């Protein structure tokens, strides 16, 4: 499996970690799994680690996937995405799409900063 979804109980946060080759289908599966945990726990924090991910999705796929977040995830969810520095342009685009659709999503290159931001929101 190219992703793992965990509960970070101390931070009341759901964690999704992608690694290696990740298909479009796996993106959807991971989001659904994270959404189930967020719904069951009532938490509103989601951290996605994409630093080791090799995604097969195009920018058009990223646009479609990200545009659906407000209709899939709980409305109060705050999402922090960790990205590899070489992928800044791609994740900056994703952040822009999410914000334009009303999602509270921010990208980070540092896990500590991401968790701090989530705790403040």
Protein backbone atom coordinates (compact mmCIF):
# COMPACT_ATOMS: atom_id res chain seq x y z
CA UNK A 1 0.00 0.00 0.00
CA UNK A 2 1.32 3.45 -0.86
CA UNK A 3 -0.44 5.25 1.97
CA UNK A 4 -1.10 4.89 5.68
CA UNK A 5 -3.86 6.56 7.70
CA UNK A 6 -3.42 6.90 11.46
CA UNK A 7 -4.92 8.65 14.46
CA UNK A 8 -2.58 11.01 16.33
CA UNK A 9 -4.50 10.94 19.59
CA UNK A 10 -2.30 13.42 21.45
CA UNK A 11 -2.87 16.01 18.71
CA UNK A 12 -6.48 14.95 17.97
CA UNK A 13 -5.40 14.75 14.37
CA UNK A 14 -5.69 12.31 11.49
CA UNK A 15 -2.45 11.60 9.65
CA UNK A 16 -2.14 10.41 6.06
CA UNK A 17 1.34 9.43 4.90
CA UNK A 18 1.96 8.74 1.22
CA UNK A 19 5.10 6.98 0.02
CA UNK A 20 6.37 5.82 -3.33
CA UNK A 21 4.09 5.57 -6.33
CA UNK A 22 0.53 6.69 -5.49
CA UNK A 23 -2.32 6.22 -7.94
CA UNK A 24 -5.32 8.47 -8.31
CA UNK A 25 -7.48 5.70 -6.84
CA UNK A 26 -5.24 5.56 -3.75
CA UNK A 27 -5.64 9.32 -3.24
CA UNK A 28 -9.41 8.85 -3.09
CA UNK A 29 -9.14 5.81 -0.82
CA UNK A 30 -6.87 7.67 1.60
CA UNK A 31 -9.19 10.68 1.69
CA UNK A 32 -12.19 8.42 2.35
CA UNK A 33 -10.34 6.62 5.16
CA UNK A 34 -9.29 9.94 6.73
CA UNK A 35 -12.82 11.28 6.39
CA UNK A 36 -14.22 8.23 8.19
CA UNK A 37 -11.88 8.80 11.13
CA UNK A 38 -12.60 12.54 11.23
CA UNK A 39 -16.33 11.82 11.25
CA UNK A 40 -16.11 9.09 13.91
CA UNK A 41 -13.90 11.09 16.27
CA UNK A 42 -15.32 14.56 15.66
CA UNK A 43 -11.78 15.86 15.11
CA UNK A 44 -11.12 18.63 12.60
CA UNK A 45 -7.36 18.29 12.01
CA UNK A 46 -5.81 16.47 9.07
CA UNK A 47 -2.11 16.32 8.23
CA UNK A 48 -1.00 14.83 4.92
CA UNK A 49 2.66 13.93 4.43
CA UNK A 50 3.45 13.88 0.71
CA UNK A 51 7.20 14.37 1.05
CA UNK A 52 8.01 10.84 -0.18
CA UNK A 53 5.17 10.57 -2.71
CA UNK A 54 5.47 10.01 -6.43
CA UNK A 55 1.96 10.84 -7.62
CA UNK A 56 0.64 9.86 -11.02
CA UNK A 57 -1.99 12.61 -10.99
CA UNK A 58 -1.88 15.48 -13.47
CA UNK A 59 -2.62 19.09 -12.54
CA UNK A 60 -6.13 18.57 -13.92
CA UNK A 61 -6.54 15.54 -11.63
CA UNK A 62 -5.20 17.58 -8.68
CA UNK A 63 -7.69 20.34 -9.48
CA UNK A 64 -10.65 17.95 -9.59
CA UNK A 65 -9.60 16.05 -6.45
CA UNK A 66 -8.95 19.21 -4.43
CA UNK A 67 -12.14 20.92 -5.62
CA UNK A 68 -14.16 18.06 -4.11
CA UNK A 69 -12.79 18.48 -0.56
CA UNK A 70 -15.59 20.78 0.65
CA UNK A 71 -18.20 18.23 -0.44
CA UNK A 72 -16.42 15.21 1.07
CA UNK A 73 -14.60 16.33 4.22
CA UNK A 74 -16.29 17.81 7.32
CA UNK A 75 -16.81 21.58 6.86
CA UNK A 76 -14.62 22.52 9.84
CA UNK A 77 -11.60 20.42 8.85
CA UNK A 78 -8.20 22.11 8.73
CA UNK A 79 -5.72 20.35 6.45
CA UNK A 80 -1.95 20.75 6.47
CA UNK A 81 0.03 19.22 3.62
CA UNK A 82 3.75 18.52 3.89
CA UNK A 83 5.47 18.65 0.53
CA UNK A 84 8.94 17.95 -0.88
CA UNK A 85 10.70 21.23 -1.79
CA UNK A 86 10.98 20.15 -5.44
CA UNK A 87 7.16 19.99 -5.58
CA UNK A 88 6.44 23.51 -4.29
CA UNK A 89 4.73 24.71 -7.51
CA UNK A 90 2.38 21.73 -7.59
CA UNK A 91 1.37 22.03 -3.95
CA UNK A 92 1.06 25.80 -4.14
CA UNK A 93 -1.47 25.21 -6.95
CA UNK A 94 -3.34 22.71 -4.75
CA UNK A 95 -3.40 25.20 -1.87
CA UNK A 96 -4.80 27.88 -4.18
CA UNK A 97 -7.53 25.60 -5.52
CA UNK A 98 -8.52 24.54 -2.00
CA UNK A 99 -8.75 28.09 -0.70
CA UNK A 100 -10.76 29.19 -3.73
CA UNK A 101 -13.22 26.39 -2.94
CA UNK A 102 -13.50 27.38 0.73
CA UNK A 103 -11.26 24.69 2.24
CA UNK A 104 -8.93 25.54 5.10
CA UNK A 105 -5.76 24.02 3.63
CA UNK A 106 -2.18 25.17 3.97
CA UNK A 107 1.08 23.71 2.67
CA UNK A 108 4.25 23.28 4.72
CA UNK A 109 7.78 22.01 4.28
CA UNK A 110 8.17 21.43 8.03
CA UNK A 111 6.12 19.00 10.15
CA UNK A 112 6.44 21.00 13.39
CA UNK A 113 5.12 24.15 11.70
CA UNK A 114 2.25 22.16 10.17
CA UNK A 115 1.18 20.68 13.51
CA UNK A 116 1.49 24.07 15.24
CA UNK A 117 -0.77 25.63 12.60
CA UNK A 118 -3.31 22.82 12.99
CA UNK A 119 -3.38 23.26 16.77
CA UNK A 120 -4.13 26.98 16.35
CA UNK A 121 -7.06 26.34 14.04
